[in-house]
Amino acid sequence: MKILLVVYDNDSYMHWFPLGLGYIGAILLKYGHDVVIYNQDMHHYHEEHLTDFLNKNKFDIVGVSVIAGYYQYRKLLKISSAINKSKNRPIYIIGGHGPSPEPEFFLKKTKADFAVLGEGEITIIELLEAISSKKSPSGVKGIAYREGENVIINEKRGLIKDIDSIPFPAYRLFPMEYYRLIRLPHSTNKDFAIPLLSGRGCVFKCNFCYRLDEGFRPRSNESIIEEIKLLKKDYGITYIAFADELLMSSVKRTFNLCEALLKDDLNIKWSCNGRLNYAQPDVLKVMKKSGCVFINYGIEAMDDQILKNMNKILTTEQIIKGIEATLAAGISPGFNIIFGNIGENAETLNKGVEFLLKYDDGAQLRTIRPVTPYPGSPLYYYAIKEGLLKDCEDFYENKHINSDLLAINFTDMSDHEFHKALLKANTRLLENYFCKKKQMMVEETENLYLKKNSGFRGFRQD
């Protein structure tokens, strides 16, 4: 079958390589399908361009995958309208973390024919086999579909146990010369970067996370290294951004992966998402030695009771020890703090701000966002139970209008008090960041004129 996979534009100047579609493209190629990528992202095409493209080119299937979010939801509606208006409208399939928890709502809003729920590599092949043979899709696990005005949701599909069996993303289908230009923490102008998955899932269950997969499934070190070698050889990649929800799933796993990277002498920079209860000096030392330059940590709050309310399985003592150990190892930490979970107030917010100011190394602009109860997360179902939210439509159409604005208020503060507290907090963080940037530029200027720094390349704004 001839299949068009649409990579949507999220309004960034440079875009992250679409790993999900990369994997889907790879499995489709493996089973003999003809796959075309529509890069709305790189070209910033308007949706009318997609309608025209479909009018001029005939496809059997068109697929779109989105994550949860106000922008992604509204973008999906625009793309869906463009697809539905086309004269040669293909069978339309949606997927991703966005539609998966609430497929009935998404199918009715988009008028898509099918939704792939959760992990899609096996599901999409079985669905296409049913479509091509004109069989009922009722026996395909892991999908939802429209049947007249009704939506049928099939039995859930189990997770792929051996993820080494999944082909590497179909990099050759994508404009890699574009995606490799993404700028990441501590990358230089000579670095080419790309994201890579070393595993799927997470062993933790934070109340704000909308992940549907149970547990963590690591890839073998051999498979990871083979893919890195391919990326270096074919695309000149020098920086790997491990995009797992949690690469540091255990001390043992992290240590073994780093040892494997060192053994093969890959000579790459890399970054990952980490857990501060695993950020121990010996682990961080081998991470640094194997090329790690940045670890993105989900801190979320600097109050032990709030961390318990989140089911974070982390303490403020562990956070502080882990950050200090990371900095001591010469690795830059990424700090992620959110505000507004159950039990939060202005005092817990201020604890987060003070922490960010104390440990800021100037590597990133850091601000604090309100917690958002995305569909699929325990916090989403809590909001419905408590009468704070009606349903998925209420969330996307009324409540979640911007990721930096309050969607659901779980605190005792008024909405106005909540936003006023965030204004104060983020003003302090912004002033700190730009004060440090100003100081750095002044020091560069002094080195230029007073020390005759001949390596100076001009005043530039990053």
Protein backbone atom coordinates (compact mmCIF):
# COMPACT_ATOMS: atom_id res chain seq x y z
CA MET A 1 0.00 0.00 0.00
CA LYS A 2 1.09 3.58 -0.60
CA ILE A 3 1.25 5.44 2.72
CA LEU A 4 1.79 9.11 3.57
CA LEU A 5 3.10 9.90 7.06
CA VAL A 6 2.60 13.54 8.08
CA VAL A 7 5.17 15.21 10.35
CA TYR A 8 3.34 18.21 11.77
CA ASP A 9 4.88 21.65 12.31
CA ASN A 10 5.07 22.64 15.98
CA ASP A 11 6.17 26.18 15.04
CA SER A 12 9.82 25.61 16.02
CA TYR A 13 12.67 26.95 13.91
CA MET A 14 14.42 23.58 14.18
CA HIS A 15 12.52 20.38 14.91
CA TRP A 16 13.26 17.22 16.87
CA PHE A 17 13.51 14.09 14.74
CA PRO A 18 10.07 12.34 14.87
CA LEU A 19 11.14 9.05 16.43
CA GLY A 20 7.63 7.58 16.57
CA LEU A 21 7.01 8.01 12.86
CA GLY A 22 10.57 6.86 12.19
CA TYR A 23 9.80 3.52 13.81
CA ILE A 24 6.43 3.22 12.06
CA GLY A 25 8.06 4.03 8.73
CA ALA A 26 10.66 1.32 9.33
CA ILE A 27 8.13 -1.41 10.07
CA LEU A 28 6.03 -0.39 7.06
CA LEU A 29 9.07 -0.67 4.79
CA LYS A 30 9.93 -4.06 6.28
CA TYR A 31 6.51 -5.36 5.25
CA GLY A 32 6.79 -4.03 1.71
CA HIS A 33 4.73 -0.86 1.85
CA ASP A 34 5.58 2.29 -0.11
CA VAL A 35 6.17 5.10 2.42
CA VAL A 36 6.34 8.86 1.76
CA ILE A 37 7.08 11.47 4.45
CA TYR A 38 5.28 14.81 4.33
CA ASN A 39 7.52 17.30 6.16
CA GLN A 40 5.23 20.11 7.20
CA ASP A 41 7.73 20.76 10.02
CA MET A 42 10.80 21.59 7.92
CA HIS A 43 8.95 23.57 5.26
CA HIS A 44 6.34 25.22 7.53
CA TYR A 45 3.66 24.33 5.02
CA HIS A 46 0.16 25.70 5.60
CA GLU A 47 -2.55 23.04 5.85
CA GLU A 48 -3.89 24.05 2.43
CA HIS A 49 -0.65 22.72 0.98
CA LEU A 50 -1.45 19.27 2.39
CA THR A 51 -4.89 19.31 0.76
CA ASP A 52 -3.33 20.25 -2.56
CA PHE A 53 -0.64 17.58 -2.14
CA LEU A 54 -3.27 14.90 -1.54
CA ASN A 55 -5.29 16.16 -4.52
CA LYS A 56 -2.26 15.75 -6.79
CA ASN A 57 -0.97 12.47 -5.34
CA LYS A 58 -2.94 9.34 -4.62
CA PHE A 59 -2.30 7.44 -1.36
CA ASP A 60 -4.08 4.48 0.19
CA ILE A 61 -3.36 5.60 3.76
CA VAL A 62 -2.46 8.85 5.50
CA GLY A 63 -1.16 8.75 9.08
CA VAL A 64 -0.61 11.43 11.73
CA SER A 65 0.84 10.99 15.23
CA VAL A 66 0.65 13.61 17.98
CA ILE A 67 1.46 13.88 21.66
CA ALA A 68 -0.93 15.40 24.19
CA GLY A 69 -1.06 19.19 24.37
CA TYR A 70 -3.19 22.19 23.51
CA TYR A 71 -1.08 23.10 20.47
CA GLN A 72 -0.89 19.55 19.17
CA TYR A 73 -4.65 19.05 19.57
CA ARG A 74 -5.51 22.20 17.62
CA LYS A 75 -2.87 21.38 15.01
CA LEU A 76 -4.34 17.90 14.58
CA LEU A 77 -7.78 19.41 13.95
CA LYS A 78 -6.35 21.65 11.20
CA ILE A 79 -4.46 18.78 9.59
CA SER A 80 -7.55 16.57 9.82
CA SER A 81 -9.66 19.23 8.10
CA ALA A 82 -7.06 19.46 5.32
CA ILE A 83 -7.10 15.67 4.84
CA ASN A 84 -10.89 15.43 4.93
CA LYS A 85 -11.24 18.18 2.29
CA SER A 86 -8.97 16.44 -0.20
CA LYS A 87 -10.55 15.01 -3.34
CA ASN A 88 -8.54 11.79 -3.07
CA ARG A 89 -8.98 11.40 0.69
CA PRO A 90 -7.07 8.26 1.78
CA ILE A 91 -8.02 6.09 4.74
CA TYR A 92 -7.02 8.25 7.69
CA ILE A 93 -5.21 6.81 10.76
CA ILE A 94 -4.19 8.74 13.89
CA GLY A 95 -1.92 7.64 16.73
CA GLY A 96 0.38 8.77 19.51
CA HIS A 97 0.06 9.67 23.19
CA GLY A 98 -2.56 12.31 22.37
CA PRO A 99 -5.38 10.14 20.97
CA SER A 100 -4.50 6.89 22.79
CA PRO A 101 -6.17 7.54 26.20
CA GLU A 102 -9.38 9.01 24.71
CA PRO A 103 -9.77 7.56 21.18
CA GLU A 104 -13.53 8.08 20.96
CA PHE A 105 -13.19 11.84 21.46
CA PHE A 106 -10.32 12.13 18.98
CA LEU A 107 -11.98 10.02 16.28
CA LYS A 108 -15.16 12.06 16.44
CA LYS A 109 -13.30 15.39 16.37
CA THR A 110 -10.89 14.48 13.55
CA LYS A 111 -13.21 12.24 11.50
CA ALA A 112 -10.27 9.85 11.20
CA ASP A 113 -11.15 6.26 10.33
CA PHE A 114 -8.85 4.51 12.82
CA ALA A 115 -6.79 5.27 15.92
CA VAL A 116 -3.77 3.18 16.87
CA LEU A 117 -3.63 3.00 20.66
CA GLY A 118 -0.22 2.94 22.31
CA GLU A 119 2.73 1.11 20.78
CA GLY A 120 2.02 0.84 17.08
CA GLU A 121 4.59 -1.30 15.25
CA ILE A 122 2.67 -4.60 15.34
CA THR A 123 -0.77 -2.99 15.39
CA ILE A 124 -0.31 -0.96 12.20
CA ILE A 125 0.77 -4.02 10.19
CA GLU A 126 -2.22 -6.07 11.33
CA LEU A 127 -4.56 -3.15 10.66
CA LEU A 128 -3.24 -2.66 7.13
CA GLU A 129 -3.61 -6.39 6.45
CA ALA A 130 -7.24 -6.20 7.52
CA ILE A 131 -7.83 -3.12 5.35
CA SER A 132 -6.15 -4.56 2.25
CA SER A 133 -8.04 -7.87 2.55
CA LYS A 134 -11.30 -6.02 3.30
CA LYS A 135 -11.71 -7.90 6.57
CA SER A 136 -13.42 -6.49 9.63
CA PRO A 137 -10.99 -4.64 11.92
CA SER A 138 -12.81 -6.05 14.93
CA GLY A 139 -10.08 -8.63 15.50
CA VAL A 140 -7.18 -6.17 15.48
CA LYS A 141 -5.99 -5.50 19.01
CA GLY A 142 -4.89 -2.00 20.01
CA ILE A 143 -7.13 0.07 17.74
CA ALA A 144 -10.33 2.11 17.82
CA TYR A 145 -12.38 2.85 14.72
CA ARG A 146 -15.49 4.62 13.53
CA GLU A 147 -18.45 2.55 12.44
CA GLY A 148 -21.15 4.96 11.29
CA GLU A 149 -21.75 7.36 14.18
CA ASN A 150 -20.32 4.92 16.71
CA VAL A 151 -16.75 4.35 17.84
CA ILE A 152 -15.58 0.81 18.53
CA ILE A 153 -12.63 0.34 20.88
CA ASN A 154 -10.95 -3.06 20.53
CA GLU A 155 -9.10 -5.10 23.12
CA LYS A 156 -5.84 -3.58 24.32
CA ARG A 157 -2.65 -4.94 22.76
CA GLY A 158 0.16 -6.19 24.96
CA LEU A 159 3.54 -4.48 24.81
CA ILE A 160 6.31 -5.69 22.52
CA LYS A 161 8.56 -7.72 24.82
CA ASP A 162 11.67 -7.89 22.63
CA ILE A 163 12.17 -4.32 21.47
CA ASP A 164 15.49 -5.29 19.85
CA SER A 165 13.30 -6.98 17.25
CA ILE A 166 11.94 -3.61 16.09
CA PRO A 167 13.87 -2.18 13.11
CA PHE A 168 15.85 1.02 13.60
CA PRO A 169 13.92 4.17 12.60
CA ALA A 170 13.75 4.60 8.79
CA TYR A 171 16.24 7.46 8.78
CA ARG A 172 16.65 7.31 5.00
CA LEU A 173 13.04 8.49 4.54
CA PHE A 174 13.69 11.73 6.41
CA PRO A 175 15.72 14.91 5.71
CA MET A 176 18.48 14.07 8.18
CA GLU A 177 20.60 17.02 7.09
CA TYR A 178 17.84 19.17 8.62
CA TYR A 179 17.12 17.24 11.82
CA ARG A 180 20.77 16.84 12.78
CA LEU A 181 21.11 20.64 13.13
CA ILE A 182 19.07 20.73 16.36
CA ARG A 183 20.92 22.58 19.15
CA LEU A 184 21.15 20.82 22.51
CA PRO A 185 22.84 21.65 25.85
CA HIS A 186 26.61 21.87 25.38
CA SER A 187 26.53 21.15 21.66
CA THR A 188 28.90 23.22 19.53
CA ASN A 189 28.49 24.61 16.05
CA LYS A 190 30.36 21.56 14.78
CA ASP A 191 28.05 19.01 16.42
CA PHE A 192 25.32 17.08 14.61
CA ALA A 193 22.71 15.75 17.04
CA ILE A 194 19.86 13.26 16.87
CA PRO A 195 17.57 11.61 19.47
CA LEU A 196 17.75 7.87 20.08
CA LEU A 197 15.75 5.48 22.29
CA SER A 198 17.70 3.11 24.53
CA GLY A 199 14.51 1.68 25.98
CA ARG A 200 10.78 2.16 26.37
CA GLY A 201 8.66 2.93 29.41
CA CYS A 202 9.39 3.84 33.02
CA VAL A 203 9.28 2.00 36.34
CA PHE A 204 7.79 4.98 38.19
CA LYS A 205 4.16 6.19 38.24
CA CYS A 206 4.06 9.94 38.90
CA ASN A 207 0.49 11.25 39.15
CA PHE A 208 0.89 13.80 36.34
CA CYS A 209 2.38 11.40 33.77
CA TYR A 210 0.13 10.23 30.92
CA ARG A 211 2.39 7.33 29.87
CA LEU A 212 0.31 4.23 29.12
CA ASP A 213 3.06 1.60 29.10
CA GLU A 214 3.71 -0.51 32.19
CA GLY A 215 7.30 -1.03 33.31
CA PHE A 216 10.58 -0.44 31.51
CA ARG A 217 11.94 -2.44 28.57
CA PRO A 218 15.60 -1.75 27.79
CA ARG A 219 17.27 -2.38 24.49
CA SER A 220 20.46 -4.42 24.52
CA ASN A 221 23.72 -2.48 24.62
CA GLU A 222 24.72 -4.18 21.36
CA SER A 223 21.64 -2.86 19.55
CA ILE A 224 22.12 0.68 20.88
CA ILE A 225 25.78 0.78 19.85
CA GLU A 226 25.00 -0.62 16.41
CA GLU A 227 22.49 2.19 15.83
CA ILE A 228 24.93 4.86 17.06
CA LYS A 229 27.58 3.54 14.67
CA LEU A 230 25.08 3.71 11.80
CA LEU A 231 24.18 7.31 12.69
CA LYS A 232 27.85 8.31 12.87
CA LYS A 233 28.71 6.60 9.58
CA ASP A 234 25.71 7.63 7.48
CA TYR A 235 24.87 11.05 8.91
CA GLY A 236 27.96 12.29 10.74
CA ILE A 237 26.21 12.35 14.11
CA THR A 238 28.41 13.46 17.02
CA TYR A 239 25.80 13.99 19.75
CA ILE A 240 23.17 11.49 20.87
CA ALA A 241 20.16 12.71 22.84
CA PHE A 242 18.83 9.61 24.58
CA ALA A 243 15.12 10.38 24.43
CA ASP A 244 13.89 7.63 26.78
CA GLU A 245 11.52 8.73 29.48
CA LEU A 246 14.21 7.48 31.85
CA LEU A 247 17.59 6.19 30.69
CA MET A 248 18.75 6.03 34.32
CA SER A 249 16.25 3.28 35.19
CA SER A 250 18.70 1.73 37.67
CA VAL A 251 22.30 2.14 38.79
CA LYS A 252 23.30 -1.20 37.25
CA ARG A 253 21.70 -0.51 33.87
CA THR A 254 23.23 2.97 33.60
CA PHE A 255 26.69 1.73 34.56
CA ASN A 256 26.60 -1.18 32.11
CA LEU A 257 25.51 1.02 29.20
CA CYS A 258 28.30 3.52 29.88
CA GLU A 259 30.87 0.72 30.07
CA ALA A 260 29.65 -0.56 26.70
CA LEU A 261 29.96 2.92 25.16
CA LEU A 262 33.51 3.21 26.47
CA LYS A 263 34.48 -0.27 25.30
CA ASP A 264 33.50 0.59 21.71
CA ASP A 265 35.30 3.96 21.92
CA LEU A 266 32.42 5.75 20.17
CA ASN A 267 33.72 9.24 21.02
CA ILE A 268 30.30 10.91 21.16
CA LYS A 269 28.63 13.47 23.36
CA TRP A 270 25.34 12.43 24.84
CA SER A 271 22.50 13.57 27.08
CA CYS A 272 19.64 11.75 28.78
CA ASN A 273 16.74 11.90 31.21
CA GLY A 274 17.78 10.82 34.69
CA ARG A 275 16.62 10.06 38.23
CA LEU A 276 18.27 11.84 41.15
CA ASN A 277 18.00 8.84 43.49
CA TYR A 278 20.35 7.07 41.04
CA ALA A 279 22.70 10.05 40.62
CA GLN A 280 25.57 8.56 42.61
CA PRO A 281 29.19 9.73 42.26
CA ASP A 282 30.53 6.45 40.80
CA VAL A 283 27.72 6.28 38.23
CA LEU A 284 28.10 9.94 37.25
CA LYS A 285 31.85 9.50 36.90
CA VAL A 286 31.47 6.74 34.29
CA MET A 287 28.67 8.69 32.58
CA LYS A 288 30.98 11.68 32.23
CA LYS A 289 33.85 9.49 31.00
CA SER A 290 31.64 7.91 28.32
CA GLY A 291 30.60 11.31 26.92
CA CYS A 292 27.59 12.48 28.95
CA VAL A 293 27.38 16.28 29.02
CA PHE A 294 23.81 16.86 30.24
CA ILE A 295 21.26 15.01 32.39
CA ASN A 296 17.68 16.27 32.38
CA TYR A 297 16.16 15.68 35.80
CA GLY A 298 12.46 15.64 36.69
CA ILE A 299 12.55 17.33 40.09
CA GLU A 300 8.98 18.65 39.98
CA ALA A 301 8.91 20.10 43.54
CA MET A 302 11.20 20.91 46.47
CA ASP A 303 8.80 19.89 49.23
CA ASP A 304 8.69 16.33 50.58
CA GLN A 305 4.94 16.25 51.12
CA ILE A 306 4.24 17.49 47.58
CA LEU A 307 6.65 14.87 46.20
CA LYS A 308 4.66 12.22 48.10
CA ASN A 309 1.39 13.62 46.73
CA MET A 310 2.85 13.28 43.23
CA ASN A 311 3.96 9.70 43.93
CA LYS A 312 7.39 10.86 42.79
CA ILE A 313 9.30 8.34 44.98
CA LEU A 314 11.96 10.99 45.60
CA THR A 315 12.96 13.21 48.52
CA THR A 316 14.41 16.71 48.66
CA GLU A 317 17.51 15.26 50.32
CA GLN A 318 18.03 12.91 47.35
CA ILE A 319 17.48 15.80 44.95
CA ILE A 320 20.10 18.03 46.57
CA LYS A 321 22.67 15.23 46.90
CA GLY A 322 22.08 14.16 43.29
CA ILE A 323 22.39 17.66 41.84
CA GLU A 324 25.55 18.40 43.83
CA ALA A 325 27.06 15.08 42.72
CA THR A 326 26.14 15.81 39.08
CA LEU A 327 27.78 19.23 39.17
CA ALA A 328 30.84 17.79 40.94
CA ALA A 329 31.17 15.20 38.15
CA GLY A 330 31.29 17.99 35.56
CA ILE A 331 27.91 17.17 34.03
CA SER A 332 25.33 19.90 33.50
CA PRO A 333 21.95 19.16 35.13
CA GLY A 334 18.58 20.10 33.69
CA PHE A 335 16.03 21.14 36.31
CA ASN A 336 12.32 20.58 35.70
CA ILE A 337 9.95 21.97 38.32
CA ILE A 338 6.18 22.27 37.98
CA PHE A 339 3.69 24.01 40.25
CA GLY A 340 0.10 23.42 41.26
CA ASN A 341 -0.12 19.76 42.21
CA ILE A 342 -2.34 18.62 45.08
CA GLY A 343 -1.42 20.49 48.27
CA GLU A 344 0.80 23.16 46.69
CA ASN A 345 0.88 26.81 47.75
CA ALA A 346 3.03 29.92 47.40
CA GLU A 347 5.49 28.56 49.95
CA THR A 348 6.15 25.30 48.06
CA LEU A 349 6.57 27.31 44.86
CA ASN A 350 9.14 29.57 46.50
CA LYS A 351 11.13 26.52 47.65
CA GLY A 352 11.46 25.51 44.00
CA VAL A 353 12.58 28.98 42.95
CA GLU A 354 15.23 29.18 45.69
CA PHE A 355 16.56 25.78 44.66
CA LEU A 356 16.82 26.79 40.98
CA LEU A 357 18.62 30.02 41.86
CA LYS A 358 21.08 28.26 44.17
CA TYR A 359 22.11 25.53 41.73
CA ASP A 360 21.81 27.34 38.40
CA ASP A 361 24.88 26.77 36.21
CA GLY A 362 23.66 29.00 33.39
CA ALA A 363 23.22 26.14 30.91
CA GLN A 364 19.52 26.70 30.34
CA LEU A 365 16.78 29.26 30.73
CA ARG A 366 14.69 27.75 33.52
CA THR A 367 11.12 28.68 34.32
CA ILE A 368 8.29 26.95 36.19
CA ARG A 369 5.10 25.80 34.51
CA PRO A 370 1.76 24.81 36.04
CA VAL A 371 1.05 21.09 36.30
CA THR A 372 -1.30 19.89 33.55
CA PRO A 373 -3.49 16.79 34.06
CA TYR A 374 -3.20 15.31 30.58
CA PRO A 375 -5.72 12.62 29.63
CA GLY A 376 -4.39 9.24 30.69
CA SER A 377 -2.65 10.53 33.82
CA PRO A 378 -3.89 9.71 37.35
CA LEU A 379 -4.24 13.46 37.94
CA TYR A 380 -6.67 13.69 35.00
CA TYR A 381 -8.97 11.06 36.49
CA TYR A 382 -8.64 12.68 39.92
CA ALA A 383 -9.78 16.00 38.41
CA ILE A 384 -12.85 14.32 36.90
CA LYS A 385 -13.65 12.52 40.17
CA GLU A 386 -13.41 15.78 42.15
CA GLY A 387 -15.60 17.66 39.69
CA LEU A 388 -12.78 19.93 38.53
CA LEU A 389 -13.05 18.60 34.99
CA LYS A 390 -15.97 17.15 33.06
CA ASP A 391 -14.27 15.08 30.36
CA CYS A 392 -11.70 15.08 27.55
CA GLU A 393 -13.64 17.64 25.53
CA ASP A 394 -13.79 19.98 28.52
CA PHE A 395 -10.01 19.58 28.93
CA TYR A 396 -9.05 20.34 25.31
CA GLU A 397 -11.80 22.80 24.38
CA ASN A 398 -12.11 24.81 27.60
CA LYS A 399 -9.38 24.21 30.15
CA HIS A 400 -6.04 23.50 28.44
CA ILE A 401 -5.50 26.58 26.29
CA ASN A 402 -1.75 27.05 26.90
CA SER A 403 0.93 25.02 28.70
CA ASP A 404 2.03 28.07 30.71
CA LEU A 405 -1.48 28.86 31.93
CA LEU A 406 -3.47 27.05 34.60
CA ALA A 407 -5.69 24.29 33.23
CA ILE A 408 -7.04 22.78 36.46
CA ASN A 409 -6.54 24.39 39.87
CA PHE A 410 -5.68 21.72 42.47
CA THR A 411 -4.61 24.31 45.09
CA ASP A 412 -6.51 26.46 47.60
CA MET A 413 -5.37 29.60 45.76
CA SER A 414 -7.65 31.49 43.40
CA ASP A 415 -6.72 31.33 39.71
CA HIS A 416 -5.60 34.97 39.92
CA GLU A 417 -3.45 34.30 42.98
CA PHE A 418 -1.99 31.25 41.25
CA HIS A 419 -0.92 33.18 38.13
CA LYS A 420 0.33 36.09 40.23
CA ALA A 421 2.57 33.71 42.19
CA LEU A 422 3.95 32.23 38.94
CA LEU A 423 4.57 35.72 37.59
CA LYS A 424 6.66 36.57 40.66
CA ALA A 425 8.54 33.25 40.55
CA ASN A 426 9.37 33.34 36.83
CA THR A 427 10.31 37.02 36.93
CA ARG A 428 13.00 36.15 39.46
CA LEU A 429 14.23 33.25 37.31
CA LEU A 430 14.27 35.34 34.12
CA GLU A 431 16.15 38.18 35.79
CA ASN A 432 18.71 35.70 37.13
CA TYR A 433 19.24 34.12 33.70
CA PHE A 434 19.67 37.35 31.77
CA CYS A 435 21.82 38.88 34.51
CA LYS A 436 24.20 35.93 34.10
CA LYS A 437 24.10 36.27 30.32
CA LYS A 438 24.93 39.97 30.62
CA GLN A 439 27.82 39.20 32.96
CA MET A 440 29.20 36.60 30.52
CA MET A 441 29.01 39.06 27.61
CA VAL A 442 30.74 41.79 29.61
CA GLU A 443 33.54 39.36 30.53
CA GLU A 444 33.93 38.40 26.85
CA THR A 445 34.14 42.08 25.93
CA GLU A 446 36.81 42.70 28.57
CA ASN A 447 38.84 39.73 27.29
CA LEU A 448 38.55 41.12 23.76
CA TYR A 449 39.79 44.64 24.45
CA LEU A 450 41.96 44.26 27.54
CA LYS A 451 43.55 40.88 26.79
CA LYS A 452 43.46 41.18 22.98
CA ASN A 453 41.50 37.92 22.54
CA SER A 454 42.08 37.18 18.84
CA GLY A 455 39.71 34.20 18.98
CA PHE A 456 36.69 36.47 19.42
CA ARG A 457 34.16 35.89 16.61
CA GLY A 458 31.90 38.91 17.00
CA PHE A 459 28.98 39.89 19.20
CA ARG A 460 26.28 37.30 18.60
CA GLN A 461 22.94 36.44 20.13
CA ASP A 462 22.45 32.69 20.64
